Amino acid sequence: MKKLVNRFIIRLYKFSWVKQRWGANFNSFQVSGDPFAPAPKNLKDIHLAVVSTAGTHHIDDHPFDMENLDGDASFRTFSVKSPQSDLMITHNYYDHSSARKDINVVLPLSAIQKAIKEKKIKSTSADVYSFMGHIQNKPLEELIINSIPQLIKRLKADKVTAVLVSPA
């Protein structure tokens, strides 16, 4: 039954008036303080990590859990050099028809590679870190307590100096 309700909600969500009404009543997670840090003075020294909330993952990896109406707090990693044909999206809460044609719509990997080639930034981490957006309630707690600290640990180990968060 829950699966049927989820499918119905997802279909309704494609109508803009449903999104607006849901958005008006949605209580988002609030963060105190400024979540941003200043960029290094010389952008050419950046070692960039890409974090996506578009639900992208490698076709051989397990999809995000779309059965849980509150979302999936886990994340996937895949090579920043993965061919577009090796990537897919598991996220039912936005229209990803354009992203299926060109993943750069939600994951600007081509622009980042171009910036590296033109020496505008130094490098990227080897992996892209991908989450599913639309996380609330218990999965949100899991995201904050488990997934984000795991991500931060990996970013520190890779000596990342900047993170590009690419929403869906």
N, C-alpha and C. Protein backbone atom coordinates (compact mmCIF):
# COMPACT_ATOMS: atom_id res chain seq x y z
N MET A 1 0.82 -1.20 0.00
CA MET A 1 0.00 0.00 0.00
C MET A 1 0.86 1.27 0.00
N LYS A 2 1.93 1.24 0.84
CA LYS A 2 2.81 2.41 0.93
C LYS A 2 3.45 2.72 -0.44
N LYS A 3 3.81 1.66 -1.17
CA LYS A 3 4.41 1.83 -2.49
C LYS A 3 3.42 2.49 -3.45
N LEU A 4 2.17 2.09 -3.38
CA LEU A 4 1.12 2.65 -4.22
C LEU A 4 0.89 4.13 -3.90
N VAL A 5 0.87 4.46 -2.61
CA VAL A 5 0.72 5.85 -2.18
C VAL A 5 1.89 6.68 -2.68
N ASN A 6 3.10 6.14 -2.56
CA ASN A 6 4.30 6.85 -3.02
C ASN A 6 4.22 7.14 -4.52
N ARG A 7 3.83 6.17 -5.30
CA ARG A 7 3.70 6.38 -6.76
C ARG A 7 2.67 7.46 -7.07
N PHE A 8 1.56 7.45 -6.34
CA PHE A 8 0.51 8.46 -6.53
C PHE A 8 1.04 9.85 -6.20
N ILE A 9 1.73 9.97 -5.07
CA ILE A 9 2.29 11.26 -4.66
C ILE A 9 3.30 11.76 -5.69
N ILE A 10 4.12 10.87 -6.18
CA ILE A 10 5.13 11.25 -7.18
C ILE A 10 4.46 11.76 -8.45
N ARG A 11 3.40 11.11 -8.87
CA ARG A 11 2.67 11.58 -10.07
C ARG A 11 2.04 12.95 -9.84
N LEU A 12 1.46 13.15 -8.66
CA LEU A 12 0.86 14.44 -8.34
C LEU A 12 1.91 15.55 -8.30
N TYR A 13 3.09 15.20 -7.84
CA TYR A 13 4.15 16.19 -7.64
C TYR A 13 4.62 16.80 -8.96
N LYS A 14 4.28 16.19 -10.07
CA LYS A 14 4.66 16.73 -11.38
C LYS A 14 3.86 17.98 -11.74
N PHE A 15 2.75 18.22 -11.04
CA PHE A 15 1.96 19.43 -11.26
C PHE A 15 2.52 20.57 -10.41
N SER A 16 2.76 21.72 -11.04
CA SER A 16 3.39 22.83 -10.33
C SER A 16 2.58 23.30 -9.13
N TRP A 17 1.26 23.29 -9.21
CA TRP A 17 0.45 23.75 -8.08
C TRP A 17 0.59 22.83 -6.88
N VAL A 18 0.82 21.54 -7.11
CA VAL A 18 1.05 20.60 -6.00
C VAL A 18 2.40 20.92 -5.34
N LYS A 19 3.42 21.16 -6.17
CA LYS A 19 4.75 21.49 -5.63
C LYS A 19 4.69 22.77 -4.80
N GLN A 20 3.97 23.78 -5.30
CA GLN A 20 3.87 25.05 -4.59
C GLN A 20 3.16 24.87 -3.25
N ARG A 21 2.08 24.12 -3.25
CA ARG A 21 1.34 23.91 -2.01
C ARG A 21 2.17 23.11 -1.02
N TRP A 22 2.83 22.06 -1.48
CA TRP A 22 3.68 21.25 -0.61
C TRP A 22 4.83 22.11 -0.09
N GLY A 23 5.44 22.88 -0.95
CA GLY A 23 6.56 23.73 -0.55
C GLY A 23 6.17 24.76 0.48
N ALA A 24 4.98 25.30 0.37
CA ALA A 24 4.52 26.31 1.33
C ALA A 24 4.36 25.72 2.73
N ASN A 25 4.08 24.44 2.82
CA ASN A 25 3.87 23.80 4.12
C ASN A 25 5.06 22.98 4.59
N PHE A 26 6.14 22.97 3.82
CA PHE A 26 7.31 22.14 4.16
C PHE A 26 8.18 22.85 5.19
N ASN A 27 8.47 22.18 6.28
CA ASN A 27 9.37 22.71 7.29
C ASN A 27 10.76 22.17 7.03
N SER A 28 11.62 22.99 6.46
CA SER A 28 12.96 22.54 6.13
C SER A 28 13.86 22.57 7.35
N PHE A 29 14.94 21.85 7.26
CA PHE A 29 15.94 21.80 8.32
C PHE A 29 16.65 23.15 8.36
N GLN A 30 16.73 23.73 9.54
CA GLN A 30 17.34 25.05 9.70
C GLN A 30 18.75 24.91 10.28
N VAL A 31 19.67 25.67 9.74
CA VAL A 31 21.05 25.68 10.21
C VAL A 31 21.34 27.06 10.76
N SER A 32 21.95 27.11 11.93
CA SER A 32 22.33 28.41 12.47
C SER A 32 23.74 28.76 12.00
N GLY A 33 24.00 30.03 11.86
CA GLY A 33 25.32 30.46 11.43
C GLY A 33 25.44 30.47 9.91
N ASP A 34 26.58 30.85 9.45
CA ASP A 34 26.86 30.94 8.02
C ASP A 34 27.48 29.63 7.54
N PRO A 35 26.82 28.88 6.64
CA PRO A 35 27.37 27.61 6.19
C PRO A 35 28.47 27.73 5.14
N PHE A 36 28.78 28.96 4.73
CA PHE A 36 29.75 29.15 3.67
C PHE A 36 31.09 29.60 4.21
N ALA A 37 32.14 29.20 3.54
CA ALA A 37 33.49 29.64 3.88
C ALA A 37 34.03 30.39 2.67
N PRO A 38 34.88 31.38 2.90
CA PRO A 38 35.43 32.11 1.76
C PRO A 38 36.29 31.20 0.88
N ALA A 39 36.26 31.47 -0.41
CA ALA A 39 37.08 30.71 -1.36
C ALA A 39 38.53 31.12 -1.20
N PRO A 40 39.45 30.22 -1.53
CA PRO A 40 40.86 30.61 -1.50
C PRO A 40 41.10 31.81 -2.41
N LYS A 41 42.09 32.60 -2.09
CA LYS A 41 42.37 33.79 -2.90
C LYS A 41 42.69 33.42 -4.34
N ASN A 42 43.35 32.31 -4.52
CA ASN A 42 43.71 31.89 -5.87
C ASN A 42 42.91 30.64 -6.24
N LEU A 43 41.89 30.81 -7.07
CA LEU A 43 41.04 29.68 -7.45
C LEU A 43 41.81 28.60 -8.20
N LYS A 44 42.95 28.96 -8.76
CA LYS A 44 43.77 27.98 -9.49
C LYS A 44 44.35 26.92 -8.57
N ASP A 45 44.27 27.13 -7.26
CA ASP A 45 44.80 26.17 -6.30
C ASP A 45 43.74 25.21 -5.76
N ILE A 46 42.51 25.34 -6.22
CA ILE A 46 41.41 24.53 -5.69
C ILE A 46 41.51 23.07 -6.11
N HIS A 47 41.33 22.20 -5.13
CA HIS A 47 41.14 20.77 -5.37
C HIS A 47 39.66 20.53 -5.04
N LEU A 48 38.85 20.41 -6.06
CA LEU A 48 37.40 20.45 -5.97
C LEU A 48 36.78 19.06 -5.82
N ALA A 49 35.78 18.97 -4.95
CA ALA A 49 34.94 17.78 -4.87
C ALA A 49 33.55 18.17 -5.36
N VAL A 50 32.90 17.24 -6.02
CA VAL A 50 31.55 17.48 -6.52
C VAL A 50 30.59 16.62 -5.70
N VAL A 51 29.58 17.28 -5.13
CA VAL A 51 28.54 16.61 -4.36
C VAL A 51 27.22 16.94 -5.03
N SER A 52 26.45 15.92 -5.33
CA SER A 52 25.18 16.10 -6.02
C SER A 52 24.03 15.62 -5.13
N THR A 53 22.88 16.25 -5.28
CA THR A 53 21.66 15.77 -4.61
C THR A 53 20.63 15.31 -5.65
N ALA A 54 21.12 15.00 -6.83
CA ALA A 54 20.23 14.63 -7.94
C ALA A 54 19.89 13.15 -7.99
N GLY A 55 20.45 12.36 -7.08
CA GLY A 55 20.17 10.92 -7.11
C GLY A 55 20.90 10.19 -8.21
N THR A 56 22.02 10.72 -8.66
CA THR A 56 22.81 10.07 -9.71
C THR A 56 23.66 8.95 -9.10
N HIS A 57 23.88 7.92 -9.87
CA HIS A 57 24.76 6.84 -9.43
C HIS A 57 25.18 6.02 -10.65
N HIS A 58 26.23 5.23 -10.47
CA HIS A 58 26.70 4.35 -11.53
C HIS A 58 25.65 3.26 -11.76
N ILE A 59 25.47 2.86 -13.00
CA ILE A 59 24.43 1.86 -13.32
C ILE A 59 24.65 0.53 -12.58
N ASP A 60 25.90 0.23 -12.20
CA ASP A 60 26.19 -1.01 -11.49
C ASP A 60 25.98 -0.90 -9.98
N ASP A 61 25.75 0.32 -9.49
CA ASP A 61 25.54 0.53 -8.07
C ASP A 61 24.06 0.38 -7.75
N HIS A 62 23.74 0.12 -6.49
CA HIS A 62 22.33 -0.04 -6.11
C HIS A 62 21.65 1.33 -6.11
N PRO A 63 20.41 1.36 -6.56
CA PRO A 63 19.67 2.62 -6.64
C PRO A 63 19.32 3.15 -5.25
N PHE A 64 18.98 4.43 -5.20
CA PHE A 64 18.50 5.02 -3.96
C PHE A 64 17.14 4.43 -3.63
N ASP A 65 16.83 4.38 -2.35
CA ASP A 65 15.58 3.79 -1.87
C ASP A 65 14.41 4.73 -2.13
N MET A 66 13.59 4.40 -3.09
CA MET A 66 12.42 5.21 -3.40
C MET A 66 11.17 4.67 -2.70
N GLU A 67 11.32 3.59 -1.94
CA GLU A 67 10.19 3.03 -1.19
C GLU A 67 9.90 3.85 0.06
N ASN A 68 10.96 4.41 0.66
CA ASN A 68 10.79 5.20 1.88
C ASN A 68 10.37 6.61 1.49
N LEU A 69 9.17 7.00 1.90
CA LEU A 69 8.65 8.33 1.54
C LEU A 69 9.47 9.46 2.14
N ASP A 70 10.27 9.17 3.16
CA ASP A 70 11.11 10.19 3.80
C ASP A 70 12.49 10.30 3.15
N GLY A 71 12.80 9.44 2.20
CA GLY A 71 14.06 9.55 1.47
C GLY A 71 15.10 8.53 1.90
N ASP A 72 16.25 8.63 1.28
CA ASP A 72 17.38 7.73 1.49
C ASP A 72 18.58 8.57 1.88
N ALA A 73 19.10 8.37 3.08
CA ALA A 73 20.20 9.19 3.60
C ALA A 73 21.58 8.73 3.17
N SER A 74 21.67 7.62 2.49
CA SER A 74 22.98 7.11 2.07
C SER A 74 23.49 7.90 0.87
N PHE A 75 24.75 7.69 0.53
CA PHE A 75 25.29 8.33 -0.67
C PHE A 75 26.05 7.31 -1.50
N ARG A 76 26.22 7.65 -2.75
CA ARG A 76 26.95 6.81 -3.70
C ARG A 76 28.18 7.57 -4.17
N THR A 77 29.18 6.84 -4.60
CA THR A 77 30.34 7.46 -5.22
C THR A 77 30.56 6.82 -6.58
N PHE A 78 31.06 7.62 -7.48
CA PHE A 78 31.46 7.11 -8.78
C PHE A 78 32.55 8.01 -9.32
N SER A 79 33.28 7.51 -10.27
CA SER A 79 34.42 8.25 -10.82
C SER A 79 33.97 9.53 -11.49
N VAL A 80 34.72 10.58 -11.25
CA VAL A 80 34.45 11.87 -11.91
C VAL A 80 34.60 11.74 -13.43
N LYS A 81 35.29 10.70 -13.87
CA LYS A 81 35.50 10.47 -15.30
C LYS A 81 34.54 9.44 -15.89
N SER A 82 33.52 9.05 -15.14
CA SER A 82 32.54 8.07 -15.64
C SER A 82 31.86 8.60 -16.89
N PRO A 83 31.75 7.77 -17.92
CA PRO A 83 30.98 8.18 -19.10
C PRO A 83 29.52 8.39 -18.72
N GLN A 84 28.89 9.34 -19.35
CA GLN A 84 27.49 9.64 -19.08
C GLN A 84 26.62 8.39 -19.25
N SER A 85 26.97 7.55 -20.19
CA SER A 85 26.19 6.34 -20.44
C SER A 85 26.25 5.34 -19.28
N ASP A 86 27.22 5.51 -18.37
CA ASP A 86 27.35 4.63 -17.21
C ASP A 86 26.61 5.14 -15.98
N LEU A 87 25.95 6.30 -16.12
CA LEU A 87 25.27 6.91 -14.98
C LEU A 87 23.76 6.86 -15.15
N MET A 88 23.08 6.79 -14.03
CA MET A 88 21.62 6.84 -14.06
C MET A 88 21.13 7.64 -12.86
N ILE A 89 19.85 7.95 -12.86
CA ILE A 89 19.25 8.72 -11.78
C ILE A 89 18.13 7.91 -11.14
N THR A 90 18.20 7.81 -9.81
CA THR A 90 17.10 7.22 -9.06
C THR A 90 16.63 8.28 -8.09
N HIS A 91 15.63 9.02 -8.48
CA HIS A 91 15.09 10.10 -7.66
C HIS A 91 13.77 10.51 -8.30
N ASN A 92 12.68 10.23 -7.65
CA ASN A 92 11.37 10.46 -8.25
C ASN A 92 10.76 11.82 -7.96
N TYR A 93 11.48 12.69 -7.25
CA TYR A 93 10.87 13.94 -6.82
C TYR A 93 11.26 15.15 -7.66
N TYR A 94 11.74 14.93 -8.84
CA TYR A 94 11.94 16.02 -9.80
C TYR A 94 11.93 15.41 -11.21
N ASP A 95 11.70 16.25 -12.17
CA ASP A 95 11.67 15.81 -13.57
C ASP A 95 13.11 15.74 -14.07
N HIS A 96 13.59 14.54 -14.32
CA HIS A 96 14.97 14.41 -14.78
C HIS A 96 15.07 13.98 -16.24
N SER A 97 14.06 14.33 -17.03
CA SER A 97 14.10 13.99 -18.45
C SER A 97 15.27 14.72 -19.15
N SER A 98 15.51 15.98 -18.82
CA SER A 98 16.64 16.71 -19.43
C SER A 98 17.97 16.14 -18.96
N ALA A 99 18.05 15.76 -17.69
CA ALA A 99 19.29 15.20 -17.14
C ALA A 99 19.60 13.84 -17.76
N ARG A 100 18.58 13.09 -18.13
CA ARG A 100 18.83 11.81 -18.80
C ARG A 100 19.46 12.03 -20.17
N LYS A 101 19.13 13.14 -20.82
CA LYS A 101 19.73 13.47 -22.12
C LYS A 101 21.16 13.98 -21.96
N ASP A 102 21.37 14.77 -20.89
CA ASP A 102 22.69 15.35 -20.63
C ASP A 102 22.86 15.50 -19.13
N ILE A 103 23.62 14.61 -18.52
CA ILE A 103 23.81 14.59 -17.08
C ILE A 103 24.37 15.91 -16.55
N ASN A 104 25.01 16.69 -17.42
CA ASN A 104 25.58 17.97 -17.01
C ASN A 104 24.53 18.97 -16.55
N VAL A 105 23.26 18.70 -16.83
CA VAL A 105 22.17 19.55 -16.36
C VAL A 105 22.15 19.55 -14.83
N VAL A 106 22.42 18.41 -14.21
CA VAL A 106 22.42 18.31 -12.75
C VAL A 106 23.81 18.05 -12.17
N LEU A 107 24.75 17.73 -13.01
CA LEU A 107 26.10 17.37 -12.58
C LEU A 107 27.10 17.93 -13.58
N PRO A 108 27.57 19.16 -13.37
CA PRO A 108 28.35 19.87 -14.40
C PRO A 108 29.79 19.37 -14.58
N LEU A 109 29.94 18.09 -14.82
CA LEU A 109 31.28 17.51 -14.94
C LEU A 109 32.05 18.03 -16.16
N SER A 110 31.37 18.24 -17.27
CA SER A 110 32.05 18.76 -18.47
C SER A 110 32.62 20.15 -18.22
N ALA A 111 31.86 21.01 -17.56
CA ALA A 111 32.33 22.36 -17.25
C ALA A 111 33.52 22.33 -16.30
N ILE A 112 33.49 21.41 -15.36
CA ILE A 112 34.60 21.29 -14.40
C ILE A 112 35.85 20.80 -15.11
N GLN A 113 35.70 19.80 -15.99
CA GLN A 113 36.87 19.31 -16.74
C GLN A 113 37.44 20.41 -17.63
N LYS A 114 36.56 21.22 -18.20
CA LYS A 114 37.00 22.35 -19.02
C LYS A 114 37.77 23.36 -18.16
N ALA A 115 37.30 23.63 -16.97
CA ALA A 115 37.98 24.57 -16.07
C ALA A 115 39.37 24.05 -15.68
N ILE A 116 39.49 22.75 -15.51
CA ILE A 116 40.80 22.16 -15.21
C ILE A 116 41.72 22.29 -16.41
N LYS A 117 41.20 21.97 -17.59
CA LYS A 117 41.98 22.06 -18.83
C LYS A 117 42.48 23.49 -19.07
N GLU A 118 41.62 24.47 -18.75
CA GLU A 118 41.98 25.87 -18.93
C GLU A 118 42.75 26.43 -17.73
N LYS A 119 43.08 25.54 -16.78
CA LYS A 119 43.86 25.90 -15.58
C LYS A 119 43.17 26.96 -14.71
N LYS A 120 41.84 26.94 -14.70
CA LYS A 120 41.08 27.85 -13.83
C LYS A 120 40.96 27.27 -12.43
N ILE A 121 40.95 25.94 -12.35
CA ILE A 121 41.05 25.25 -11.07
C ILE A 121 42.11 24.16 -11.22
N LYS A 122 42.66 23.74 -10.09
CA LYS A 122 43.78 22.79 -10.12
C LYS A 122 43.33 21.37 -10.49
N SER A 123 42.34 20.85 -9.73
CA SER A 123 41.98 19.44 -9.90
C SER A 123 40.65 19.14 -9.23
N THR A 124 40.20 17.91 -9.43
CA THR A 124 39.01 17.42 -8.73
C THR A 124 39.38 16.15 -7.99
N SER A 125 38.56 15.84 -7.03
CA SER A 125 38.72 14.55 -6.37
C SER A 125 38.38 13.47 -7.40
N ALA A 126 38.84 12.27 -7.17
CA ALA A 126 38.61 11.19 -8.13
C ALA A 126 37.15 10.78 -8.19
N ASP A 127 36.43 11.01 -7.10
CA ASP A 127 35.04 10.56 -7.02
C ASP A 127 34.06 11.71 -6.95
N VAL A 128 32.87 11.46 -7.45
CA VAL A 128 31.71 12.32 -7.26
C VAL A 128 30.93 11.68 -6.12
N TYR A 129 30.38 12.50 -5.24
CA TYR A 129 29.58 12.03 -4.12
C TYR A 129 28.14 12.41 -4.41
N SER A 130 27.27 11.42 -4.44
CA SER A 130 25.90 11.67 -4.84
C SER A 130 24.90 11.23 -3.78
N PHE A 131 24.02 12.14 -3.46
CA PHE A 131 22.93 11.90 -2.52
C PHE A 131 21.61 12.00 -3.27
N MET A 132 20.57 11.54 -2.62
CA MET A 132 19.21 11.77 -3.11
C MET A 132 18.68 12.95 -2.32
N GLY A 133 18.17 13.96 -2.98
CA GLY A 133 17.52 15.05 -2.27
C GLY A 133 16.22 14.55 -1.68
N HIS A 134 15.43 15.40 -1.10
CA HIS A 134 14.15 15.03 -0.49
C HIS A 134 14.38 14.04 0.65
N ILE A 135 15.08 14.50 1.67
CA ILE A 135 15.33 13.68 2.85
C ILE A 135 14.73 14.40 4.05
N GLN A 136 13.91 13.68 4.79
CA GLN A 136 13.25 14.29 5.95
C GLN A 136 13.05 13.25 7.05
N ASN A 137 12.65 13.72 8.21
CA ASN A 137 12.33 12.89 9.37
C ASN A 137 13.50 11.99 9.78
N LYS A 138 13.30 10.72 9.99
CA LYS A 138 14.35 9.80 10.47
C LYS A 138 15.55 9.74 9.51
N PRO A 139 15.34 9.65 8.20
CA PRO A 139 16.51 9.66 7.31
C PRO A 139 17.34 10.96 7.40
N LEU A 140 16.69 12.08 7.70
CA LEU A 140 17.43 13.33 7.86
C LEU A 140 18.38 13.23 9.05
N GLU A 141 17.90 12.63 10.12
CA GLU A 141 18.75 12.41 11.30
C GLU A 141 19.93 11.51 10.94
N GLU A 142 19.66 10.44 10.18
CA GLU A 142 20.71 9.52 9.74
C GLU A 142 21.73 10.25 8.85
N LEU A 143 21.23 11.12 7.98
CA LEU A 143 22.10 11.91 7.11
C LEU A 143 23.07 12.75 7.94
N ILE A 144 22.54 13.43 8.95
CA ILE A 144 23.35 14.33 9.78
C ILE A 144 24.32 13.55 10.67
N ILE A 145 23.87 12.46 11.25
CA ILE A 145 24.69 11.72 12.20
C ILE A 145 25.69 10.78 11.53
N ASN A 146 25.31 10.19 10.39
CA ASN A 146 26.17 9.18 9.77
C ASN A 146 26.76 9.60 8.42
N SER A 147 25.90 9.91 7.46
CA SER A 147 26.36 10.12 6.08
C SER A 147 27.25 11.35 5.92
N ILE A 148 26.85 12.48 6.48
CA ILE A 148 27.66 13.70 6.33
C ILE A 148 29.03 13.53 6.98
N PRO A 149 29.12 13.00 8.23
CA PRO A 149 30.46 12.78 8.79
C PRO A 149 31.33 11.83 7.95
N GLN A 150 30.72 10.80 7.35
CA GLN A 150 31.48 9.91 6.46
C GLN A 150 32.01 10.68 5.25
N LEU A 151 31.14 11.53 4.67
CA LEU A 151 31.55 12.34 3.53
C LEU A 151 32.69 13.28 3.92
N ILE A 152 32.55 13.96 5.04
CA ILE A 152 33.59 14.90 5.49
C ILE A 152 34.92 14.18 5.69
N LYS A 153 34.87 13.01 6.27
CA LYS A 153 36.09 12.21 6.47
C LYS A 153 36.78 11.92 5.13
N ARG A 154 36.00 11.55 4.14
CA ARG A 154 36.56 11.26 2.81
C ARG A 154 37.13 12.52 2.16
N LEU A 155 36.41 13.63 2.29
CA LEU A 155 36.88 14.89 1.70
C LEU A 155 38.19 15.34 2.34
N LYS A 156 38.29 15.21 3.64
CA LYS A 156 39.53 15.57 4.34
C LYS A 156 40.68 14.67 3.92
N ALA A 157 40.42 13.37 3.81
CA ALA A 157 41.46 12.41 3.40
C ALA A 157 41.97 12.74 2.00
N ASP A 158 41.08 13.24 1.15
CA ASP A 158 41.44 13.59 -0.23
C ASP A 158 42.01 15.01 -0.32
N LYS A 159 42.09 15.71 0.81
CA LYS A 159 42.63 17.08 0.86
C LYS A 159 41.86 18.05 -0.06
N VAL A 160 40.56 17.89 -0.08
CA VAL A 160 39.68 18.77 -0.86
C VAL A 160 39.70 20.16 -0.25
N THR A 161 39.79 21.18 -1.11
CA THR A 161 39.81 22.57 -0.61
C THR A 161 38.52 23.33 -0.93
N ALA A 162 37.67 22.76 -1.78
CA ALA A 162 36.39 23.39 -2.10
C ALA A 162 35.41 22.30 -2.54
N VAL A 163 34.14 22.54 -2.27
CA VAL A 163 33.09 21.58 -2.64
C VAL A 163 32.04 22.31 -3.46
N LEU A 164 31.72 21.74 -4.61
CA LEU A 164 30.62 22.23 -5.42
C LEU A 164 29.42 21.34 -5.14
N VAL A 165 28.37 21.90 -4.56
CA VAL A 165 27.15 21.16 -4.31
C VAL A 165 26.20 21.46 -5.47
N SER A 166 25.86 20.41 -6.20
CA SER A 166 25.01 20.56 -7.37
C SER A 166 23.64 19.96 -7.08
N PRO A 167 22.66 20.84 -6.83
CA PRO A 167 21.32 20.32 -6.54
C PRO A 167 20.60 19.87 -7.81
N ALA A 168 19.54 19.11 -7.60
CA ALA A 168 18.73 18.64 -8.73
C ALA A 168 17.88 19.77 -9.26
